[in-house]
Amino acid sequence: MDPNHFQRIAKALADPRRFEIFEEMAASADELACGRIVERFPVTQATVSHHLKELTDAGLIEIRPEGQFRYCRARLDVLEEYIQELQRRCGLTRKSKTAPKRNAR
């Protein structure tokens, strides 16, 4: 994964509200209407739009327009790639369930 892309994803997921929005999309089996996302969170439509833009720019979601509506879905493939890169950077592998042992000080 490109280092800049990795950083964009990390930054996008660092915001608690944005992470909640992404979590909602990732848990959904189908696309979510952007209007439904606005209804589910106690923030303005403009704030949700900003969060969706940040998630889109990071490649974590796709937005599909249909008429006057927009539908969002999580890019779980991108999330999986990010997780693998994070594990690699931290010296973890998918096979290892525990953190590497560290020497006592």
PDB file of N, CA and C in Angstrom:
ATOM      1  N   MET A   1       0.853  -1.176   0.000  1.00  0.00           N
ATOM      2  CA  MET A   1       0.000   0.000   0.000  1.00  0.00           C
ATOM      3  C   MET A   1       0.898   1.238   0.000  1.00  0.00           C
ATOM      4  N   ASP A   2       0.545   2.179  -0.814  1.00  0.00           N
ATOM      5  CA  ASP A   2       1.269   3.444  -0.910  1.00  0.00           C
ATOM      6  C   ASP A   2       1.261   4.145   0.457  1.00  0.00           C
ATOM      7  N   PRO A   3       2.404   4.655   0.918  1.00  0.00           N
ATOM      8  CA  PRO A   3       2.460   5.312   2.230  1.00  0.00           C
ATOM      9  C   PRO A   3       1.470   6.468   2.388  1.00  0.00           C
ATOM     10  N   ASN A   4       1.253   7.247   1.336  1.00  0.00           N
ATOM     11  CA  ASN A   4       0.289   8.352   1.420  1.00  0.00           C
ATOM     12  C   ASN A   4      -1.132   7.833   1.584  1.00  0.00           C
ATOM     13  N   HIS A   5      -1.460   6.752   0.887  1.00  0.00           N
ATOM     14  CA  HIS A   5      -2.793   6.163   1.009  1.00  0.00           C
ATOM     15  C   HIS A   5      -2.989   5.623   2.423  1.00  0.00           C
ATOM     16  N   PHE A   6      -1.970   4.970   2.958  1.00  0.00           N
ATOM     17  CA  PHE A   6      -2.027   4.453   4.324  1.00  0.00           C
ATOM     18  C   PHE A   6      -2.321   5.586   5.307  1.00  0.00           C
ATOM     19  N   GLN A   7      -1.625   6.707   5.153  1.00  0.00           N
ATOM     20  CA  GLN A   7      -1.821   7.853   6.044  1.00  0.00           C
ATOM     21  C   GLN A   7      -3.218   8.464   5.896  1.00  0.00           C
ATOM     22  N   ARG A   8      -3.735   8.531   4.672  1.00  0.00           N
ATOM     23  CA  ARG A   8      -5.092   9.075   4.455  1.00  0.00           C
ATOM     24  C   ARG A   8      -6.132   8.214   5.166  1.00  0.00           C
ATOM     25  N   ILE A   9      -5.964   6.893   5.085  1.00  0.00           N
ATOM     26  CA  ILE A   9      -6.906   5.993   5.759  1.00  0.00           C
ATOM     27  C   ILE A   9      -6.802   6.168   7.269  1.00  0.00           C
ATOM     28  N   ALA A  10      -5.580   6.189   7.790  1.00  0.00           N
ATOM     29  CA  ALA A  10      -5.387   6.356   9.236  1.00  0.00           C
ATOM     30  C   ALA A  10      -6.028   7.656   9.717  1.00  0.00           C
ATOM     31  N   LYS A  11      -5.825   8.727   8.976  1.00  0.00           N
ATOM     32  CA  LYS A  11      -6.403  10.026   9.344  1.00  0.00           C
ATOM     33  C   LYS A  11      -7.932   9.979   9.276  1.00  0.00           C
ATOM     34  N   ALA A  12      -8.463   9.350   8.239  1.00  0.00           N
ATOM     35  CA  ALA A  12      -9.919   9.271   8.086  1.00  0.00           C
ATOM     36  C   ALA A  12     -10.554   8.500   9.236  1.00  0.00           C
ATOM     37  N   LEU A  13      -9.917   7.425   9.672  1.00  0.00           N
ATOM     38  CA  LEU A  13     -10.486   6.595  10.732  1.00  0.00           C
ATOM     39  C   LEU A  13     -10.195   7.134  12.128  1.00  0.00           C
ATOM     40  N   ALA A  14      -9.311   8.127  12.239  1.00  0.00           N
ATOM     41  CA  ALA A  14      -8.943   8.677  13.545  1.00  0.00           C
ATOM     42  C   ALA A  14     -10.051   9.523  14.166  1.00  0.00           C
ATOM     43  N   ASP A  15     -10.921  10.086  13.353  1.00  0.00           N
ATOM     44  CA  ASP A  15     -12.021  10.902  13.872  1.00  0.00           C
ATOM     45  C   ASP A  15     -13.110   9.970  14.407  1.00  0.00           C
ATOM     46  N   PRO A  16     -13.499  10.105  15.678  1.00  0.00           N
ATOM     47  CA  PRO A  16     -14.479   9.183  16.265  1.00  0.00           C
ATOM     48  C   PRO A  16     -15.824   9.137  15.530  1.00  0.00           C
ATOM     49  N   ARG A  17     -16.362  10.278  15.153  1.00  0.00           N
ATOM     50  CA  ARG A  17     -17.655  10.293  14.452  1.00  0.00           C
ATOM     51  C   ARG A  17     -17.518   9.647  13.078  1.00  0.00           C
ATOM     52  N   ARG A  18     -16.448   9.970  12.380  1.00  0.00           N
ATOM     53  CA  ARG A  18     -16.216   9.402  11.050  1.00  0.00           C
ATOM     54  C   ARG A  18     -16.066   7.888  11.148  1.00  0.00           C
ATOM     55  N   PHE A  19     -15.367   7.438  12.194  1.00  0.00           N
ATOM     56  CA  PHE A  19     -15.216   5.998  12.391  1.00  0.00           C
ATOM     57  C   PHE A  19     -16.577   5.351  12.634  1.00  0.00           C
ATOM     58  N   GLU A  20     -17.435   5.997  13.413  1.00  0.00           N
ATOM     59  CA  GLU A  20     -18.786   5.475  13.657  1.00  0.00           C
ATOM     60  C   GLU A  20     -19.572   5.358  12.352  1.00  0.00           C
ATOM     61  N   ILE A  21     -19.461   6.365  11.512  1.00  0.00           N
ATOM     62  CA  ILE A  21     -20.156   6.348  10.223  1.00  0.00           C
ATOM     63  C   ILE A  21     -19.631   5.200   9.370  1.00  0.00           C
ATOM     64  N   PHE A  22     -18.312   5.051   9.312  1.00  0.00           N
ATOM     65  CA  PHE A  22     -17.732   3.960   8.532  1.00  0.00           C
ATOM     66  C   PHE A  22     -18.142   2.609   9.108  1.00  0.00           C
ATOM     67  N   GLU A  23     -18.132   2.506  10.425  1.00  0.00           N
ATOM     68  CA  GLU A  23     -18.520   1.263  11.096  1.00  0.00           C
ATOM     69  C   GLU A  23     -19.954   0.871  10.728  1.00  0.00           C
ATOM     70  N   GLU A  24     -20.838   1.848  10.697  1.00  0.00           N
ATOM     71  CA  GLU A  24     -22.237   1.613  10.319  1.00  0.00           C
ATOM     72  C   GLU A  24     -22.319   1.070   8.896  1.00  0.00           C
ATOM     73  N   MET A  25     -21.551   1.667   7.991  1.00  0.00           N
ATOM     74  CA  MET A  25     -21.558   1.205   6.597  1.00  0.00           C
ATOM     75  C   MET A  25     -20.959  -0.185   6.469  1.00  0.00           C
ATOM     76  N   ALA A  26     -19.859  -0.423   7.164  1.00  0.00           N
ATOM     77  CA  ALA A  26     -19.176  -1.716   7.074  1.00  0.00           C
ATOM     78  C   ALA A  26     -20.054  -2.843   7.611  1.00  0.00           C
ATOM     79  N   ALA A  27     -20.869  -2.539   8.611  1.00  0.00           N
ATOM     80  CA  ALA A  27     -21.744  -3.549   9.203  1.00  0.00           C
ATOM     81  C   ALA A  27     -22.978  -3.821   8.353  1.00  0.00           C
ATOM     82  N   SER A  28     -23.276  -2.919   7.434  1.00  0.00           N
ATOM     83  CA  SER A  28     -24.459  -3.060   6.588  1.00  0.00           C
ATOM     84  C   SER A  28     -24.185  -4.054   5.466  1.00  0.00           C
ATOM     85  N   ALA A  29     -25.138  -4.926   5.218  1.00  0.00           N
ATOM     86  CA  ALA A  29     -24.998  -5.907   4.136  1.00  0.00           C
ATOM     87  C   ALA A  29     -25.222  -5.264   2.775  1.00  0.00           C
ATOM     88  N   ASP A  30     -25.792  -4.075   2.768  1.00  0.00           N
ATOM     89  CA  ASP A  30     -26.137  -3.417   1.511  1.00  0.00           C
ATOM     90  C   ASP A  30     -25.688  -1.957   1.562  1.00  0.00           C
ATOM     91  N   GLU A  31     -25.930  -1.252   0.484  1.00  0.00           N
ATOM     92  CA  GLU A  31     -25.640   0.179   0.450  1.00  0.00           C
ATOM     93  C   GLU A  31     -26.557   0.908   1.430  1.00  0.00           C
ATOM     94  N   LEU A  32     -26.088   2.053   1.886  1.00  0.00           N
ATOM     95  CA  LEU A  32     -26.912   2.919   2.723  1.00  0.00           C
ATOM     96  C   LEU A  32     -27.148   4.224   1.985  1.00  0.00           C
ATOM     97  N   ALA A  33     -28.380   4.693   2.014  1.00  0.00           N
ATOM     98  CA  ALA A  33     -28.673   6.006   1.443  1.00  0.00           C
ATOM     99  C   ALA A  33     -28.005   7.056   2.324  1.00  0.00           C
ATOM    100  N   CYS A  34     -27.383   8.036   1.708  1.00  0.00           N
ATOM    101  CA  CYS A  34     -26.702   9.086   2.472  1.00  0.00           C
ATOM    102  C   CYS A  34     -27.671   9.782   3.425  1.00  0.00           C
ATOM    103  N   GLY A  35     -28.912   9.947   3.003  1.00  0.00           N
ATOM    104  CA  GLY A  35     -29.922  10.558   3.860  1.00  0.00           C
ATOM    105  C   GLY A  35     -30.173   9.761   5.126  1.00  0.00           C
ATOM    106  N   ARG A  36     -30.089   8.441   5.034  1.00  0.00           N
ATOM    107  CA  ARG A  36     -30.273   7.585   6.214  1.00  0.00           C
ATOM    108  C   ARG A  36     -29.120   7.772   7.198  1.00  0.00           C
ATOM    109  N   ILE A  37     -27.934   7.993   6.668  1.00  0.00           N
ATOM    110  CA  ILE A  37     -26.780   8.221   7.535  1.00  0.00           C
ATOM    111  C   ILE A  37     -26.981   9.513   8.321  1.00  0.00           C
ATOM    112  N   VAL A  38     -27.481  10.539   7.646  1.00  0.00           N
ATOM    113  CA  VAL A  38     -27.760  11.818   8.317  1.00  0.00           C
ATOM    114  C   VAL A  38     -28.767  11.602   9.446  1.00  0.00           C
ATOM    115  N   GLU A  39     -29.785  10.774   9.215  1.00  0.00           N
ATOM    116  CA  GLU A  39     -30.813  10.512  10.227  1.00  0.00           C
ATOM    117  C   GLU A  39     -30.254   9.761  11.434  1.00  0.00           C
ATOM    118  N   ARG A  40     -29.250   8.944  11.242  1.00  0.00           N
ATOM    119  CA  ARG A  40     -28.734   8.077  12.310  1.00  0.00           C
ATOM    120  C   ARG A  40     -27.744   8.757  13.245  1.00  0.00           C
ATOM    121  N   PHE A  41     -27.225   9.902  12.868  1.00  0.00           N
ATOM    122  CA  PHE A  41     -26.202  10.558  13.679  1.00  0.00           C
ATOM    123  C   PHE A  41     -26.632  11.973  14.046  1.00  0.00           C
ATOM    124  N   PRO A  42     -26.339  12.392  15.281  1.00  0.00           N
ATOM    125  CA  PRO A  42     -26.773  13.713  15.751  1.00  0.00           C
ATOM    126  C   PRO A  42     -25.850  14.841  15.289  1.00  0.00           C
ATOM    127  N   VAL A  43     -25.663  14.917  13.976  1.00  0.00           N
ATOM    128  CA  VAL A  43     -24.853  15.987  13.388  1.00  0.00           C
ATOM    129  C   VAL A  43     -25.589  16.520  12.166  1.00  0.00           C
ATOM    130  N   THR A  44     -25.146  17.653  11.681  1.00  0.00           N
ATOM    131  CA  THR A  44     -25.813  18.263  10.532  1.00  0.00           C
ATOM    132  C   THR A  44     -25.502  17.509   9.245  1.00  0.00           C
ATOM    133  N   GLN A  45     -26.300  17.769   8.239  1.00  0.00           N
ATOM    134  CA  GLN A  45     -26.090  17.169   6.922  1.00  0.00           C
ATOM    135  C   GLN A  45     -24.735  17.583   6.370  1.00  0.00           C
ATOM    136  N   ALA A  46     -24.352  18.837   6.607  1.00  0.00           N
ATOM    137  CA  ALA A  46     -23.057  19.326   6.124  1.00  0.00           C
ATOM    138  C   ALA A  46     -21.900  18.564   6.778  1.00  0.00           C
ATOM    139  N   THR A  47     -22.040  18.266   8.057  1.00  0.00           N
ATOM    140  CA  THR A  47     -20.997  17.514   8.758  1.00  0.00           C
ATOM    141  C   THR A  47     -20.894  16.097   8.220  1.00  0.00           C
ATOM    142  N   VAL A  48     -22.038  15.457   8.001  1.00  0.00           N
ATOM    143  CA  VAL A  48     -22.028  14.108   7.418  1.00  0.00           C
ATOM    144  C   VAL A  48     -21.392  14.151   6.037  1.00  0.00           C
ATOM    145  N   SER A  49     -21.739  15.144   5.233  1.00  0.00           N
ATOM    146  CA  SER A  49     -21.146  15.278   3.895  1.00  0.00           C
ATOM    147  C   SER A  49     -19.629  15.401   3.975  1.00  0.00           C
ATOM    148  N   HIS A  50     -19.148  16.179   4.927  1.00  0.00           N
ATOM    149  CA  HIS A  50     -17.701  16.324   5.112  1.00  0.00           C
ATOM    150  C   HIS A  50     -17.067  14.973   5.454  1.00  0.00           C
ATOM    151  N   HIS A  51     -17.674  14.244   6.387  1.00  0.00           N
ATOM    152  CA  HIS A  51     -17.138  12.936   6.771  1.00  0.00           C
ATOM    153  C   HIS A  51     -17.161  11.963   5.593  1.00  0.00           C
ATOM    154  N   LEU A  52     -18.233  11.976   4.816  1.00  0.00           N
ATOM    155  CA  LEU A  52     -18.314  11.089   3.655  1.00  0.00           C
ATOM    156  C   LEU A  52     -17.244  11.437   2.628  1.00  0.00           C
ATOM    157  N   LYS A  53     -16.973  12.725   2.458  1.00  0.00           N
ATOM    158  CA  LYS A  53     -15.919  13.140   1.523  1.00  0.00           C
ATOM    159  C   LYS A  53     -14.563  12.631   1.987  1.00  0.00           C
ATOM    160  N   GLU A  54     -14.279  12.752   3.270  1.00  0.00           N
ATOM    161  CA  GLU A  54     -13.000  12.271   3.805  1.00  0.00           C
ATOM    162  C   GLU A  54     -12.870  10.759   3.639  1.00  0.00           C
ATOM    163  N   LEU A  55     -13.948  10.028   3.896  1.00  0.00           N
ATOM    164  CA  LEU A  55     -13.924   8.571   3.730  1.00  0.00           C
ATOM    165  C   LEU A  55     -13.770   8.184   2.263  1.00  0.00           C
ATOM    166  N   THR A  56     -14.409   8.944   1.383  1.00  0.00           N
ATOM    167  CA  THR A  56     -14.283   8.699  -0.061  1.00  0.00           C
ATOM    168  C   THR A  56     -12.864   8.992  -0.527  1.00  0.00           C
ATOM    169  N   ASP A  57     -12.312  10.121  -0.106  1.00  0.00           N
ATOM    170  CA  ASP A  57     -10.947  10.491  -0.490  1.00  0.00           C
ATOM    171  C   ASP A  57      -9.930   9.454  -0.020  1.00  0.00           C
ATOM    172  N   ALA A  58     -10.207   8.818   1.116  1.00  0.00           N
ATOM    173  CA  ALA A  58      -9.314   7.778   1.637  1.00  0.00           C
ATOM    174  C   ALA A  58      -9.532   6.445   0.927  1.00  0.00           C
ATOM    175  N   GLY A  59     -10.580   6.364   0.107  1.00  0.00           N
ATOM    176  CA  GLY A  59     -10.871   5.129  -0.614  1.00  0.00           C
ATOM    177  C   GLY A  59     -11.638   4.111   0.208  1.00  0.00           C
ATOM    178  N   LEU A  60     -12.127   4.523   1.390  1.00  0.00           N
ATOM    179  CA  LEU A  60     -12.816   3.589   2.277  1.00  0.00           C
ATOM    180  C   LEU A  60     -14.277   3.366   1.918  1.00  0.00           C
ATOM    181  N   ILE A  61     -14.872   4.305   1.185  1.00  0.00           N
ATOM    182  CA  ILE A  61     -16.262   4.132   0.753  1.00  0.00           C
ATOM    183  C   ILE A  61     -16.400   4.539  -0.706  1.00  0.00           C
ATOM    184  N   GLU A  62     -17.466   4.056  -1.304  1.00  0.00           N
ATOM    185  CA  GLU A  62     -17.868   4.482  -2.645  1.00  0.00           C
ATOM    186  C   GLU A  62     -19.250   5.088  -2.533  1.00  0.00           C
ATOM    187  N   ILE A  63     -19.482   6.134  -3.286  1.00  0.00           N
ATOM    188  CA  ILE A  63     -20.797   6.767  -3.323  1.00  0.00           C
ATOM    189  C   ILE A  63     -21.326   6.645  -4.738  1.00  0.00           C
ATOM    190  N   ARG A  64     -22.540   6.100  -4.827  1.00  0.00           N
ATOM    191  CA  ARG A  64     -23.176   5.893  -6.129  1.00  0.00           C
ATOM    192  C   ARG A  64     -24.402   6.793  -6.229  1.00  0.00           C
ATOM    193  N   PRO A  65     -24.402   7.730  -7.184  1.00  0.00           N
ATOM    194  CA  PRO A  65     -25.593   8.564  -7.367  1.00  0.00           C
ATOM    195  C   PRO A  65     -26.667   7.797  -8.139  1.00  0.00           C
ATOM    196  N   GLU A  66     -27.897   8.030  -7.748  1.00  0.00           N
ATOM    197  CA  GLU A  66     -29.043   7.469  -8.476  1.00  0.00           C
ATOM    198  C   GLU A  66     -30.170   8.495  -8.394  1.00  0.00           C
ATOM    199  N   GLY A  67     -30.385   9.190  -9.492  1.00  0.00           N
ATOM    200  CA  GLY A  67     -31.368  10.267  -9.480  1.00  0.00           C
ATOM    201  C   GLY A  67     -30.936  11.339  -8.500  1.00  0.00           C
ATOM    202  N   GLN A  68     -31.858  11.723  -7.623  1.00  0.00           N
ATOM    203  CA  GLN A  68     -31.529  12.756  -6.639  1.00  0.00           C
ATOM    204  C   GLN A  68     -30.918  12.183  -5.362  1.00  0.00           C
ATOM    205  N   PHE A  69     -30.761  10.869  -5.304  1.00  0.00           N
ATOM    206  CA  PHE A  69     -30.233  10.221  -4.105  1.00  0.00           C
ATOM    207  C   PHE A  69     -28.797   9.756  -4.321  1.00  0.00           C
ATOM    208  N   ARG A  70     -28.099   9.568  -3.198  1.00  0.00           N
ATOM    209  CA  ARG A  70     -26.742   9.020  -3.240  1.00  0.00           C
ATOM    210  C   ARG A  70     -26.691   7.843  -2.271  1.00  0.00           C
ATOM    211  N   TYR A  71     -26.031   6.787  -2.696  1.00  0.00           N
ATOM    212  CA  TYR A  71     -25.925   5.574  -1.895  1.00  0.00           C
ATOM    213  C   TYR A  71     -24.458   5.283  -1.607  1.00  0.00           C
ATOM    214  N   CYS A  72     -24.178   4.904  -0.363  1.00  0.00           N
ATOM    215  CA  CYS A  72     -22.805   4.670   0.082  1.00  0.00           C
ATOM    216  C   CYS A  72     -22.617   3.204   0.438  1.00  0.00           C
ATOM    217  N   ARG A  73     -21.408   2.728   0.187  1.00  0.00           N
ATOM    218  CA  ARG A  73     -21.046   1.391   0.652  1.00  0.00           C
ATOM    219  C   ARG A  73     -19.579   1.398   1.049  1.00  0.00           C
ATOM    220  N   ALA A  74     -19.270   0.593   2.056  1.00  0.00           N
ATOM    221  CA  ALA A  74     -17.894   0.482   2.531  1.00  0.00           C
ATOM    222  C   ALA A  74     -17.072  -0.340   1.558  1.00  0.00           C
ATOM    223  N   ARG A  75     -15.841   0.048   1.370  1.00  0.00           N
ATOM    224  CA  ARG A  75     -14.880  -0.715   0.558  1.00  0.00           C
ATOM    225  C   ARG A  75     -14.103  -1.610   1.517  1.00  0.00           C
ATOM    226  N   LEU A  76     -14.643  -2.783   1.796  1.00  0.00           N
ATOM    227  CA  LEU A  76     -14.016  -3.685   2.753  1.00  0.00           C
ATOM    228  C   LEU A  76     -12.688  -4.226   2.241  1.00  0.00           C
ATOM    229  N   ASP A  77     -12.532  -4.274   0.915  1.00  0.00           N
ATOM    230  CA  ASP A  77     -11.252  -4.705   0.349  1.00  0.00           C
ATOM    231  C   ASP A  77     -10.143  -3.719   0.714  1.00  0.00           C
ATOM    232  N   VAL A  78     -10.466  -2.436   0.703  1.00  0.00           N
ATOM    233  CA  VAL A  78      -9.485  -1.410   1.071  1.00  0.00           C
ATOM    234  C   VAL A  78      -9.185  -1.502   2.567  1.00  0.00           C
ATOM    235  N   LEU A  79     -10.215  -1.726   3.373  1.00  0.00           N
ATOM    236  CA  LEU A  79     -10.011  -1.878   4.813  1.00  0.00           C
ATOM    237  C   LEU A  79      -9.103  -3.069   5.094  1.00  0.00           C
ATOM    238  N   GLU A  80      -9.342  -4.182   4.417  1.00  0.00           N
ATOM    239  CA  GLU A  80      -8.515  -5.381   4.608  1.00  0.00           C
ATOM    240  C   GLU A  80      -7.063  -5.107   4.223  1.00  0.00           C
ATOM    241  N   GLU A  81      -6.854  -4.402   3.127  1.00  0.00           N
ATOM    242  CA  GLU A  81      -5.498  -4.051   2.700  1.00  0.00           C
ATOM    243  C   GLU A  81      -4.821  -3.158   3.746  1.00  0.00           C
ATOM    244  N   TYR A  82      -5.582  -2.216   4.302  1.00  0.00           N
ATOM    245  CA  TYR A  82      -5.054  -1.333   5.347  1.00  0.00           C
ATOM    246  C   TYR A  82      -4.657  -2.142   6.584  1.00  0.00           C
ATOM    247  N   ILE A  83      -5.514  -3.063   6.992  1.00  0.00           N
ATOM    248  CA  ILE A  83      -5.235  -3.895   8.172  1.00  0.00           C
ATOM    249  C   ILE A  83      -3.966  -4.718   7.957  1.00  0.00           C
ATOM    250  N   GLN A  84      -3.835  -5.297   6.783  1.00  0.00           N
ATOM    251  CA  GLN A  84      -2.635  -6.080   6.478  1.00  0.00           C
ATOM    252  C   GLN A  84      -1.381  -5.207   6.530  1.00  0.00           C
ATOM    253  N   GLU A  85      -1.474  -4.007   5.982  1.00  0.00           N
ATOM    254  CA  GLU A  85      -0.326  -3.096   6.001  1.00  0.00           C
ATOM    255  C   GLU A  85      -0.004  -2.664   7.431  1.00  0.00           C
ATOM    256  N   LEU A  86      -1.025  -2.408   8.233  1.00  0.00           N
ATOM    257  CA  LEU A  86      -0.816  -2.030   9.629  1.00  0.00           C
ATOM    258  C   LEU A  86      -0.123  -3.160  10.381  1.00  0.00           C
ATOM    259  N   GLN A  87      -0.580  -4.383  10.165  1.00  0.00           N
ATOM    260  CA  GLN A  87       0.055  -5.534  10.809  1.00  0.00           C
ATOM    261  C   GLN A  87       1.509  -5.666  10.366  1.00  0.00           C
ATOM    262  N   ARG A  88       1.759  -5.472   9.090  1.00  0.00           N
ATOM    263  CA  ARG A  88       3.126  -5.566   8.576  1.00  0.00           C
ATOM    264  C   ARG A  88       4.012  -4.514   9.237  1.00  0.00           C
ATOM    265  N   ARG A  89       3.503  -3.293   9.318  1.00  0.00           N
ATOM    266  CA  ARG A  89       4.287  -2.201   9.907  1.00  0.00           C
ATOM    267  C   ARG A  89       4.542  -2.406  11.392  1.00  0.00           C
ATOM    268  N   CYS A  90       3.643  -3.106  12.057  1.00  0.00           N
ATOM    269  CA  CYS A  90       3.794  -3.357  13.496  1.00  0.00           C
ATOM    270  C   CYS A  90       4.527  -4.662  13.789  1.00  0.00           C
ATOM    271  N   GLY A  91       4.960  -5.343  12.751  1.00  0.00           N
ATOM    272  CA  GLY A  91       5.690  -6.589  12.935  1.00  0.00           C
ATOM    273  C   GLY A  91       4.810  -7.769  13.274  1.00  0.00           C
ATOM    274  N   LEU A  92       3.533  -7.668  12.950  1.00  0.00           N
ATOM    275  CA  LEU A  92       2.593  -8.757  13.203  1.00  0.00           C
ATOM    276  C   LEU A  92       2.253  -9.432  11.887  1.00  0.00           C
ATOM    277  N   THR A  93       1.824 -10.659  11.975  1.00  0.00           N
ATOM    278  CA  THR A  93       1.345 -11.364  10.786  1.00  0.00           C
ATOM    279  C   THR A  93      -0.041 -11.886  11.065  1.00  0.00           C
ATOM    280  N   ARG A  94      -0.735 -12.302  10.040  1.00  0.00           N
ATOM    281  CA  ARG A  94      -2.087 -12.861  10.202  1.00  0.00           C
ATOM    282  C   ARG A  94      -2.036 -14.145  11.024  1.00  0.00           C
ATOM    283  N   LYS A  95      -0.935 -14.882  10.963  1.00  0.00           N
ATOM    284  CA  LYS A  95      -0.813 -16.146  11.686  1.00  0.00           C
ATOM    285  C   LYS A  95      -0.607 -15.921  13.175  1.00  0.00           C
ATOM    286  N   SER A  96      -0.008 -14.803  13.531  1.00  0.00           N
ATOM    287  CA  SER A  96       0.302 -14.509  14.924  1.00  0.00           C
ATOM    288  C   SER A  96      -0.882 -13.812  15.587  1.00  0.00           C
ATOM    289  N   LYS A  97      -1.362 -14.379  16.675  1.00  0.00           N
ATOM    290  CA  LYS A  97      -2.497 -13.793  17.392  1.00  0.00           C
ATOM    291  C   LYS A  97      -2.050 -12.911  18.553  1.00  0.00           C
ATOM    292  N   THR A  98      -0.775 -12.951  18.893  1.00  0.00           N
ATOM    293  CA  THR A  98      -0.286 -12.139  20.002  1.00  0.00           C
ATOM    294  C   THR A  98       0.799 -11.202  19.513  1.00  0.00           C
ATOM    295  N   ALA A  99       1.010 -10.173  20.274  1.00  0.00           N
ATOM    296  CA  ALA A  99       2.062  -9.215  19.931  1.00  0.00           C
ATOM    297  C   ALA A  99       3.418  -9.865  20.146  1.00  0.00           C
ATOM    298  N   PRO A 100       4.421  -9.414  19.423  1.00  0.00           N
ATOM    299  CA  PRO A 100       5.759  -9.971  19.622  1.00  0.00           C
ATOM    300  C   PRO A 100       6.226  -9.731  21.052  1.00  0.00           C
ATOM    301  N   LYS A 101       6.973 -10.698  21.594  1.00  0.00           N
ATOM    302  CA  LYS A 101       7.482 -10.555  22.956  1.00  0.00           C
ATOM    303  C   LYS A 101       8.540  -9.469  22.977  1.00  0.00           C
ATOM    304  N   ARG A 102       8.517  -8.699  24.043  1.00  0.00           N
ATOM    305  CA  ARG A 102       9.487  -7.619  24.198  1.00  0.00           C
ATOM    306  C   ARG A 102      10.338  -7.919  25.431  1.00  0.00           C
ATOM    307  N   ASN A 103      11.558  -7.482  25.396  1.00  0.00           N
ATOM    308  CA  ASN A 103      12.451  -7.672  26.536  1.00  0.00           C
ATOM    309  C   ASN A 103      12.029  -6.761  27.674  1.00  0.00           C
ATOM    310  N   ALA A 104      12.109  -7.283  28.900  1.00  0.00           N
ATOM    311  CA  ALA A 104      11.791  -6.471  30.077  1.00  0.00           C
ATOM    312  C   ALA A 104      12.877  -5.427  30.268  1.00  0.00           C
ATOM    313  N   ARG A 105      12.498  -4.291  30.804  1.00  0.00           N
ATOM    314  CA  ARG A 105      13.476  -3.208  31.016  1.00  0.00           C
ATOM    315  C   ARG A 105      14.178  -3.371  32.321  1.00  0.00           C
TER     316      ARG A 105
END
